[in-house]
Amino acid sequence: PGMTLNFAGNLLRLAEGEQANDEAVVAYCETRPV
């Protein structure tokens, strides 16, 4: 109780640090290039 937070902010917390330029997502599908 009383806490406020943000879901996306926690999932993207590494986008500001040393890992910012590391791959986060590699997406494969049948209809488009990776």
PDB file of all heavy atoms in Angstrom:
ATOM      1  N   PRO A   1       0.831  -1.209   0.000  1.00  0.00           N
ATOM      2  CA  PRO A   1       0.000   0.000   0.000  1.00  0.00           C
ATOM      3  C   PRO A   1       0.866   1.259   0.000  1.00  0.00           C
ATOM      4  O   PRO A   1       1.897   1.331   0.674  1.00  0.00           O
ATOM      5  CB  PRO A   1      -0.804  -0.124   1.298  1.00  0.00           C
ATOM      6  CG  PRO A   1      -0.002  -1.052   2.166  1.00  0.00           C
ATOM      7  CD  PRO A   1       0.642  -2.014   1.230  1.00  0.00           C
ATOM      8  N   GLY A   2       0.427   2.237  -0.771  1.00  0.00           N
ATOM      9  CA  GLY A   2       1.141   3.506  -0.864  1.00  0.00           C
ATOM     10  C   GLY A   2       2.208   3.552  -1.933  1.00  0.00           C
ATOM     11  O   GLY A   2       2.661   4.639  -2.312  1.00  0.00           O
ATOM     12  N   MET A   3       2.630   2.391  -2.431  1.00  0.00           N
ATOM     13  CA  MET A   3       3.684   2.382  -3.445  1.00  0.00           C
ATOM     14  C   MET A   3       3.146   2.859  -4.787  1.00  0.00           C
ATOM     15  O   MET A   3       2.022   2.552  -5.179  1.00  0.00           O
ATOM     16  CB  MET A   3       4.276   0.978  -3.606  1.00  0.00           C
ATOM     17  CG  MET A   3       5.324   0.869  -4.719  1.00  0.00           C
ATOM     18  SD  MET A   3       6.040  -0.776  -4.904  1.00  0.00           S
ATOM     19  CE  MET A   3       7.160  -0.810  -3.502  1.00  0.00           C
ATOM     20  N   THR A   4       3.967   3.604  -5.528  1.00  0.00           N
ATOM     21  CA  THR A   4       3.708   3.889  -6.939  1.00  0.00           C
ATOM     22  C   THR A   4       4.940   3.456  -7.730  1.00  0.00           C
ATOM     23  O   THR A   4       6.080   3.543  -7.252  1.00  0.00           O
ATOM     24  CB  THR A   4       3.414   5.377  -7.193  1.00  0.00           C
ATOM     25  OG1 THR A   4       4.547   6.160  -6.802  1.00  0.00           O
ATOM     26  CG2 THR A   4       2.177   5.828  -6.441  1.00  0.00           C
ATOM     27  N   LEU A   5       4.690   2.987  -8.938  1.00  0.00           N
ATOM     28  CA  LEU A   5       5.762   2.452  -9.777  1.00  0.00           C
ATOM     29  C   LEU A   5       5.304   2.449 -11.216  1.00  0.00           C
ATOM     30  O   LEU A   5       4.155   2.808 -11.521  1.00  0.00           O
ATOM     31  CB  LEU A   5       6.115   1.034  -9.347  1.00  0.00           C
ATOM     32  CG  LEU A   5       5.100  -0.083  -9.685  1.00  0.00           C
ATOM     33  CD1 LEU A   5       5.775  -1.451  -9.643  1.00  0.00           C
ATOM     34  CD2 LEU A   5       3.906  -0.084  -8.728  1.00  0.00           C
ATOM     35  N   ASN A   6       6.181   2.037 -12.116  1.00  0.00           N
ATOM     36  CA  ASN A   6       5.800   1.893 -13.509  1.00  0.00           C
ATOM     37  C   ASN A   6       6.355   0.579 -14.048  1.00  0.00           C
ATOM     38  O   ASN A   6       7.527   0.265 -13.856  1.00  0.00           O
ATOM     39  CB  ASN A   6       6.301   3.055 -14.367  1.00  0.00           C
ATOM     40  CG  ASN A   6       5.776   2.961 -15.793  1.00  0.00           C
ATOM     41  OD1 ASN A   6       6.451   2.436 -16.663  1.00  0.00           O
ATOM     42  ND2 ASN A   6       4.563   3.454 -16.013  1.00  0.00           N
ATOM     43  N   PHE A   7       5.487  -0.169 -14.702  1.00  0.00           N
ATOM     44  CA  PHE A   7       5.848  -1.495 -15.208  1.00  0.00           C
ATOM     45  C   PHE A   7       6.910  -1.393 -16.304  1.00  0.00           C
ATOM     46  O   PHE A   7       7.961  -2.042 -16.241  1.00  0.00           O
ATOM     47  CB  PHE A   7       4.587  -2.180 -15.741  1.00  0.00           C
ATOM     48  CG  PHE A   7       4.758  -3.634 -16.084  1.00  0.00           C
ATOM     49  CD1 PHE A   7       4.808  -4.588 -15.085  1.00  0.00           C
ATOM     50  CD2 PHE A   7       4.845  -4.053 -17.403  1.00  0.00           C
ATOM     51  CE1 PHE A   7       4.949  -5.938 -15.382  1.00  0.00           C
ATOM     52  CE2 PHE A   7       4.989  -5.395 -17.720  1.00  0.00           C
ATOM     53  CZ  PHE A   7       5.036  -6.342 -16.706  1.00  0.00           C
ATOM     54  N   ALA A   8       6.656  -0.557 -17.317  1.00  0.00           N
ATOM     55  CA  ALA A   8       7.605  -0.414 -18.424  1.00  0.00           C
ATOM     56  C   ALA A   8       8.941   0.124 -17.925  1.00  0.00           C
ATOM     57  O   ALA A   8      10.006  -0.275 -18.420  1.00  0.00           O
ATOM     58  CB  ALA A   8       7.029   0.501 -19.499  1.00  0.00           C
ATOM     59  N   GLY A   9       8.902   1.026 -16.955  1.00  0.00           N
ATOM     60  CA  GLY A   9      10.140   1.573 -16.424  1.00  0.00           C
ATOM     61  C   GLY A   9      11.020   0.508 -15.801  1.00  0.00           C
ATOM     62  O   GLY A   9      12.260   0.562 -15.899  1.00  0.00           O
ATOM     63  N   ASN A  10      10.406  -0.478 -15.161  1.00  0.00           N
ATOM     64  CA  ASN A  10      11.179  -1.575 -14.596  1.00  0.00           C
ATOM     65  C   ASN A  10      11.695  -2.517 -15.678  1.00  0.00           C
ATOM     66  O   ASN A  10      12.835  -2.975 -15.612  1.00  0.00           O
ATOM     67  CB  ASN A  10      10.335  -2.348 -13.579  1.00  0.00           C
ATOM     68  CG  ASN A  10      10.392  -1.749 -12.193  1.00  0.00           C
ATOM     69  OD1 ASN A  10      11.292  -2.028 -11.413  1.00  0.00           O
ATOM     70  ND2 ASN A  10       9.421  -0.891 -11.881  1.00  0.00           N
ATOM     71  N   LEU A  11      10.885  -2.796 -16.694  1.00  0.00           N
ATOM     72  CA  LEU A  11      11.336  -3.697 -17.760  1.00  0.00           C
ATOM     73  C   LEU A  11      12.420  -3.065 -18.614  1.00  0.00           C
ATOM     74  O   LEU A  11      13.268  -3.779 -19.173  1.00  0.00           O
ATOM     75  CB  LEU A  11      10.150  -4.119 -18.631  1.00  0.00           C
ATOM     76  CG  LEU A  11       9.486  -5.453 -18.240  1.00  0.00           C
ATOM     77  CD1 LEU A  11       8.916  -5.393 -16.838  1.00  0.00           C
ATOM     78  CD2 LEU A  11       8.423  -5.860 -19.243  1.00  0.00           C
ATOM     79  N   LEU A  12      12.412  -1.743 -18.715  1.00  0.00           N
ATOM     80  CA  LEU A  12      13.406  -1.060 -19.551  1.00  0.00           C
ATOM     81  C   LEU A  12      14.491  -0.392 -18.716  1.00  0.00           C
ATOM     82  O   LEU A  12      15.193   0.498 -19.200  1.00  0.00           O
ATOM     83  CB  LEU A  12      12.703  -0.009 -20.421  1.00  0.00           C
ATOM     84  CG  LEU A  12      11.796  -0.567 -21.523  1.00  0.00           C
ATOM     85  CD1 LEU A  12      11.069   0.564 -22.234  1.00  0.00           C
ATOM     86  CD2 LEU A  12      12.586  -1.401 -22.518  1.00  0.00           C
ATOM     87  N   ARG A  13      14.663  -0.846 -17.490  1.00  0.00           N
ATOM     88  CA  ARG A  13      15.624  -0.185 -16.605  1.00  0.00           C
ATOM     89  C   ARG A  13      17.052  -0.294 -17.126  1.00  0.00           C
ATOM     90  O   ARG A  13      17.906   0.516 -16.770  1.00  0.00           O
ATOM     91  CB  ARG A  13      15.542  -0.794 -15.212  1.00  0.00           C
ATOM     92  CG  ARG A  13      15.762  -2.304 -15.177  1.00  0.00           C
ATOM     93  CD  ARG A  13      15.494  -2.893 -13.824  1.00  0.00           C
ATOM     94  NE  ARG A  13      15.609  -4.352 -13.828  1.00  0.00           N
ATOM     95  CZ  ARG A  13      15.698  -5.073 -12.729  1.00  0.00           C
ATOM     96  NH1 ARG A  13      15.690  -4.484 -11.548  1.00  0.00           N
ATOM     97  NH2 ARG A  13      15.794  -6.389 -12.784  1.00  0.00           N
ATOM     98  N   LEU A  14      17.342  -1.283 -17.994  1.00  0.00           N
ATOM     99  CA  LEU A  14      18.699  -1.453 -18.505  1.00  0.00           C
ATOM    100  C   LEU A  14      18.967  -0.614 -19.753  1.00  0.00           C
ATOM    101  O   LEU A  14      20.086  -0.589 -20.252  1.00  0.00           O
ATOM    102  CB  LEU A  14      18.953  -2.927 -18.815  1.00  0.00           C
ATOM    103  CG  LEU A  14      18.862  -3.851 -17.591  1.00  0.00           C
ATOM    104  CD1 LEU A  14      18.914  -5.301 -18.009  1.00  0.00           C
ATOM    105  CD2 LEU A  14      19.984  -3.549 -16.610  1.00  0.00           C
ATOM    106  N   ALA A  15      17.918   0.062 -20.263  1.00  0.00           N
ATOM    107  CA  ALA A  15      18.094   0.853 -21.481  1.00  0.00           C
ATOM    108  C   ALA A  15      18.933   2.102 -21.247  1.00  0.00           C
ATOM    109  O   ALA A  15      19.363   2.753 -22.197  1.00  0.00           O
ATOM    110  CB  ALA A  15      16.724   1.252 -22.051  1.00  0.00           C
ATOM    111  N   GLU A  16      19.179   2.440 -19.994  1.00  0.00           N
ATOM    112  CA  GLU A  16      19.959   3.639 -19.676  1.00  0.00           C
ATOM    113  C   GLU A  16      21.422   3.330 -19.378  1.00  0.00           C
ATOM    114  O   GLU A  16      22.261   4.211 -19.391  1.00  0.00           O
ATOM    115  CB  GLU A  16      19.344   4.342 -18.458  1.00  0.00           C
ATOM    116  CG  GLU A  16      17.893   4.740 -18.622  1.00  0.00           C
ATOM    117  CD  GLU A  16      17.698   5.832 -19.655  1.00  0.00           C
ATOM    118  OE1 GLU A  16      18.678   6.491 -20.014  1.00  0.00           O
ATOM    119  OE2 GLU A  16      16.557   6.007 -20.106  1.00  0.00           O
ATOM    120  N   GLY A  17      21.725   2.093 -19.060  1.00  0.00           N
ATOM    121  CA  GLY A  17      23.060   1.771 -18.574  1.00  0.00           C
ATOM    122  C   GLY A  17      23.975   1.212 -19.644  1.00  0.00           C
ATOM    123  O   GLY A  17      23.829   1.496 -20.845  1.00  0.00           O
ATOM    124  N   GLU A  18      24.918   0.397 -19.178  1.00  0.00           N
ATOM    125  CA  GLU A  18      25.928  -0.147 -20.078  1.00  0.00           C
ATOM    126  C   GLU A  18      25.331  -1.085 -21.111  1.00  0.00           C
ATOM    127  O   GLU A  18      25.937  -1.318 -22.161  1.00  0.00           O
ATOM    128  CB  GLU A  18      26.991  -0.891 -19.263  1.00  0.00           C
ATOM    129  CG  GLU A  18      27.793   0.018 -18.323  1.00  0.00           C
ATOM    130  CD  GLU A  18      28.807  -0.755 -17.517  1.00  0.00           C
ATOM    131  OE1 GLU A  18      28.847  -1.999 -17.651  1.00  0.00           O
ATOM    132  OE2 GLU A  18      29.563  -0.127 -16.753  1.00  0.00           O
ATOM    133  N   GLN A  19      24.142  -1.642 -20.831  1.00  0.00           N
ATOM    134  CA  GLN A  19      23.525  -2.575 -21.766  1.00  0.00           C
ATOM    135  C   GLN A  19      22.666  -1.893 -22.822  1.00  0.00           C
ATOM    136  O   GLN A  19      22.019  -2.561 -23.621  1.00  0.00           O
ATOM    137  CB  GLN A  19      22.643  -3.587 -21.010  1.00  0.00           C
ATOM    138  CG  GLN A  19      23.446  -4.667 -20.298  1.00  0.00           C
ATOM    139  CD  GLN A  19      22.528  -5.764 -19.787  1.00  0.00           C
ATOM    140  OE1 GLN A  19      22.315  -5.902 -18.596  1.00  0.00           O
ATOM    141  NE2 GLN A  19      21.983  -6.546 -20.702  1.00  0.00           N
ATOM    142  N   ALA A  20      22.640  -0.578 -22.853  1.00  0.00           N
ATOM    143  CA  ALA A  20      21.738   0.140 -23.762  1.00  0.00           C
ATOM    144  C   ALA A  20      21.910  -0.289 -25.212  1.00  0.00           C
ATOM    145  O   ALA A  20      20.938  -0.342 -25.977  1.00  0.00           O
ATOM    146  CB  ALA A  20      21.950   1.646 -23.631  1.00  0.00           C
ATOM    147  N   ASN A  21      23.133  -0.594 -25.613  1.00  0.00           N
ATOM    148  CA  ASN A  21      23.392  -0.969 -26.998  1.00  0.00           C
ATOM    149  C   ASN A  21      23.453  -2.475 -27.213  1.00  0.00           C
ATOM    150  O   ASN A  21      23.783  -2.936 -28.310  1.00  0.00           O
ATOM    151  CB  ASN A  21      24.683  -0.311 -27.487  1.00  0.00           C
ATOM    152  CG  ASN A  21      24.543   1.204 -27.579  1.00  0.00           C
ATOM    153  OD1 ASN A  21      23.518   1.718 -28.003  1.00  0.00           O
ATOM    154  ND2 ASN A  21      25.572   1.919 -27.130  1.00  0.00           N
ATOM    155  N   ASP A  22      23.130  -3.242 -26.165  1.00  0.00           N
ATOM    156  CA  ASP A  22      23.020  -4.693 -26.325  1.00  0.00           C
ATOM    157  C   ASP A  22      21.690  -5.038 -26.973  1.00  0.00           C
ATOM    158  O   ASP A  22      20.697  -4.305 -26.827  1.00  0.00           O
ATOM    159  CB  ASP A  22      23.102  -5.388 -24.962  1.00  0.00           C
ATOM    160  CG  ASP A  22      24.485  -5.306 -24.350  1.00  0.00           C
ATOM    161  OD1 ASP A  22      25.428  -4.899 -25.066  1.00  0.00           O
ATOM    162  OD2 ASP A  22      24.615  -5.645 -23.166  1.00  0.00           O
ATOM    163  N   GLU A  23      21.648  -6.164 -27.655  1.00  0.00           N
ATOM    164  CA  GLU A  23      20.390  -6.603 -28.243  1.00  0.00           C
ATOM    165  C   GLU A  23      19.379  -6.914 -27.146  1.00  0.00           C
ATOM    166  O   GLU A  23      19.686  -7.609 -26.170  1.00  0.00           O
ATOM    167  CB  GLU A  23      20.595  -7.849 -29.102  1.00  0.00           C
ATOM    168  CG  GLU A  23      21.174  -7.564 -30.471  1.00  0.00           C
ATOM    169  CD  GLU A  23      21.224  -8.783 -31.358  1.00  0.00           C
ATOM    170  OE1 GLU A  23      21.112  -9.914 -30.845  1.00  0.00           O
ATOM    171  OE2 GLU A  23      21.387  -8.607 -32.580  1.00  0.00           O
ATOM    172  N   ALA A  24      18.182  -6.379 -27.323  1.00  0.00           N
ATOM    173  CA  ALA A  24      17.093  -6.663 -26.394  1.00  0.00           C
ATOM    174  C   ALA A  24      16.125  -7.678 -26.982  1.00  0.00           C
ATOM    175  O   ALA A  24      15.590  -8.524 -26.258  1.00  0.00           O
ATOM    176  CB  ALA A  24      16.339  -5.378 -26.053  1.00  0.00           C
ATOM    177  N   VAL A  25      15.883  -7.579 -28.289  1.00  0.00           N
ATOM    178  CA  VAL A  25      14.891  -8.432 -28.951  1.00  0.00           C
ATOM    179  C   VAL A  25      15.439  -8.890 -30.299  1.00  0.00           C
ATOM    180  O   VAL A  25      15.968  -8.084 -31.072  1.00  0.00           O
ATOM    181  CB  VAL A  25      13.557  -7.687 -29.173  1.00  0.00           C
ATOM    182  CG1 VAL A  25      12.527  -8.625 -29.793  1.00  0.00           C
ATOM    183  CG2 VAL A  25      13.026  -7.097 -27.871  1.00  0.00           C
ATOM    184  N   VAL A  26      15.303 -10.180 -30.551  1.00  0.00           N
ATOM    185  CA  VAL A  26      15.556 -10.755 -31.871  1.00  0.00           C
ATOM    186  C   VAL A  26      14.271 -11.463 -32.279  1.00  0.00           C
ATOM    187  O   VAL A  26      13.831 -12.396 -31.596  1.00  0.00           O
ATOM    188  CB  VAL A  26      16.735 -11.748 -31.847  1.00  0.00           C
ATOM    189  CG1 VAL A  26      16.949 -12.343 -33.235  1.00  0.00           C
ATOM    190  CG2 VAL A  26      18.002 -11.071 -31.352  1.00  0.00           C
ATOM    191  N   ALA A  27      13.633 -11.003 -33.349  1.00  0.00           N
ATOM    192  CA  ALA A  27      12.302 -11.487 -33.712  1.00  0.00           C
ATOM    193  C   ALA A  27      12.333 -12.272 -35.018  1.00  0.00           C
ATOM    194  O   ALA A  27      12.725 -11.747 -36.068  1.00  0.00           O
ATOM    195  CB  ALA A  27      11.329 -10.314 -33.833  1.00  0.00           C
ATOM    196  N   TYR A  28      11.904 -13.533 -34.941  1.00  0.00           N
ATOM    197  CA  TYR A  28      11.779 -14.400 -36.115  1.00  0.00           C
ATOM    198  C   TYR A  28      10.304 -14.585 -36.448  1.00  0.00           C
ATOM    199  O   TYR A  28       9.461 -14.686 -35.548  1.00  0.00           O
ATOM    200  CB  TYR A  28      12.385 -15.777 -35.839  1.00  0.00           C
ATOM    201  CG  TYR A  28      13.890 -15.835 -35.851  1.00  0.00           C
ATOM    202  CD1 TYR A  28      14.627 -15.537 -34.709  1.00  0.00           C
ATOM    203  CD2 TYR A  28      14.581 -16.217 -37.000  1.00  0.00           C
ATOM    204  CE1 TYR A  28      16.016 -15.607 -34.710  1.00  0.00           C
ATOM    205  CE2 TYR A  28      15.967 -16.294 -37.015  1.00  0.00           C
ATOM    206  CZ  TYR A  28      16.680 -15.986 -35.869  1.00  0.00           C
ATOM    207  OH  TYR A  28      18.057 -16.063 -35.883  1.00  0.00           O
ATOM    208  N   CYS A  29       9.993 -14.640 -37.721  1.00  0.00           N
ATOM    209  CA  CYS A  29       8.646 -15.015 -38.144  1.00  0.00           C
ATOM    210  C   CYS A  29       8.723 -15.608 -39.545  1.00  0.00           C
ATOM    211  O   CYS A  29       9.764 -15.536 -40.205  1.00  0.00           O
ATOM    212  CB  CYS A  29       7.682 -13.833 -38.099  1.00  0.00           C
ATOM    213  SG  CYS A  29       7.907 -12.632 -39.412  1.00  0.00           S
ATOM    214  N   GLU A  30       7.628 -16.173 -40.001  1.00  0.00           N
ATOM    215  CA  GLU A  30       7.624 -16.850 -41.299  1.00  0.00           C
ATOM    216  C   GLU A  30       7.505 -15.890 -42.471  1.00  0.00           C
ATOM    217  O   GLU A  30       7.760 -16.290 -43.614  1.00  0.00           O
ATOM    218  CB  GLU A  30       6.478 -17.873 -41.355  1.00  0.00           C
ATOM    219  CG  GLU A  30       6.670 -19.075 -40.452  1.00  0.00           C
ATOM    220  CD  GLU A  30       5.647 -20.174 -40.718  1.00  0.00           C
ATOM    221  OE1 GLU A  30       4.985 -20.128 -41.776  1.00  0.00           O
ATOM    222  OE2 GLU A  30       5.516 -21.080 -39.872  1.00  0.00           O
ATOM    223  N   THR A  31       7.106 -14.649 -42.230  1.00  0.00           N
ATOM    224  CA  THR A  31       6.771 -13.766 -43.345  1.00  0.00           C
ATOM    225  C   THR A  31       7.732 -12.611 -43.549  1.00  0.00           C
ATOM    226  O   THR A  31       7.617 -11.888 -44.538  1.00  0.00           O
ATOM    227  CB  THR A  31       5.355 -13.179 -43.132  1.00  0.00           C
ATOM    228  OG1 THR A  31       5.315 -12.485 -41.877  1.00  0.00           O
ATOM    229  CG2 THR A  31       4.303 -14.282 -43.142  1.00  0.00           C
ATOM    230  N   ARG A  32       8.673 -12.405 -42.619  1.00  0.00           N
ATOM    231  CA  ARG A  32       9.578 -11.259 -42.734  1.00  0.00           C
ATOM    232  C   ARG A  32      10.983 -11.677 -42.322  1.00  0.00           C
ATOM    233  O   ARG A  32      11.163 -12.664 -41.600  1.00  0.00           O
ATOM    234  CB  ARG A  32       9.122 -10.103 -41.828  1.00  0.00           C
ATOM    235  CG  ARG A  32       7.739  -9.572 -42.128  1.00  0.00           C
ATOM    236  CD  ARG A  32       7.418  -8.340 -41.276  1.00  0.00           C
ATOM    237  NE  ARG A  32       7.565  -8.569 -39.839  1.00  0.00           N
ATOM    238  CZ  ARG A  32       7.177  -7.719 -38.910  1.00  0.00           C
ATOM    239  NH1 ARG A  32       6.629  -6.573 -39.264  1.00  0.00           N
ATOM    240  NH2 ARG A  32       7.338  -7.979 -37.632  1.00  0.00           N
ATOM    241  N   PRO A  33      11.999 -10.909 -42.738  1.00  0.00           N
ATOM    242  CA  PRO A  33      13.368 -11.203 -42.283  1.00  0.00           C
ATOM    243  C   PRO A  33      13.477 -11.013 -40.777  1.00  0.00           C
ATOM    244  O   PRO A  33      12.688 -10.314 -40.147  1.00  0.00           O
ATOM    245  CB  PRO A  33      14.216 -10.163 -43.040  1.00  0.00           C
ATOM    246  CG  PRO A  33      13.375  -9.694 -44.170  1.00  0.00           C
ATOM    247  CD  PRO A  33      11.958  -9.790 -43.703  1.00  0.00           C
ATOM    248  N   VAL A  34      14.486 -11.646 -40.190  1.00  0.00           N
ATOM    249  CA  VAL A  34      14.712 -11.513 -38.758  1.00  0.00           C
ATOM    250  C   VAL A  34      14.973 -10.052 -38.405  1.00  0.00           C
ATOM    251  O   VAL A  34      15.619  -9.316 -39.156  1.00  0.00           O
ATOM    252  CB  VAL A  34      15.886 -12.405 -38.304  1.00  0.00           C
ATOM    253  CG1 VAL A  34      17.182 -12.012 -38.987  1.00  0.00           C
ATOM    254  CG2 VAL A  34      16.058 -12.356 -36.784  1.00  0.00           C
TER     255      VAL A  34
END
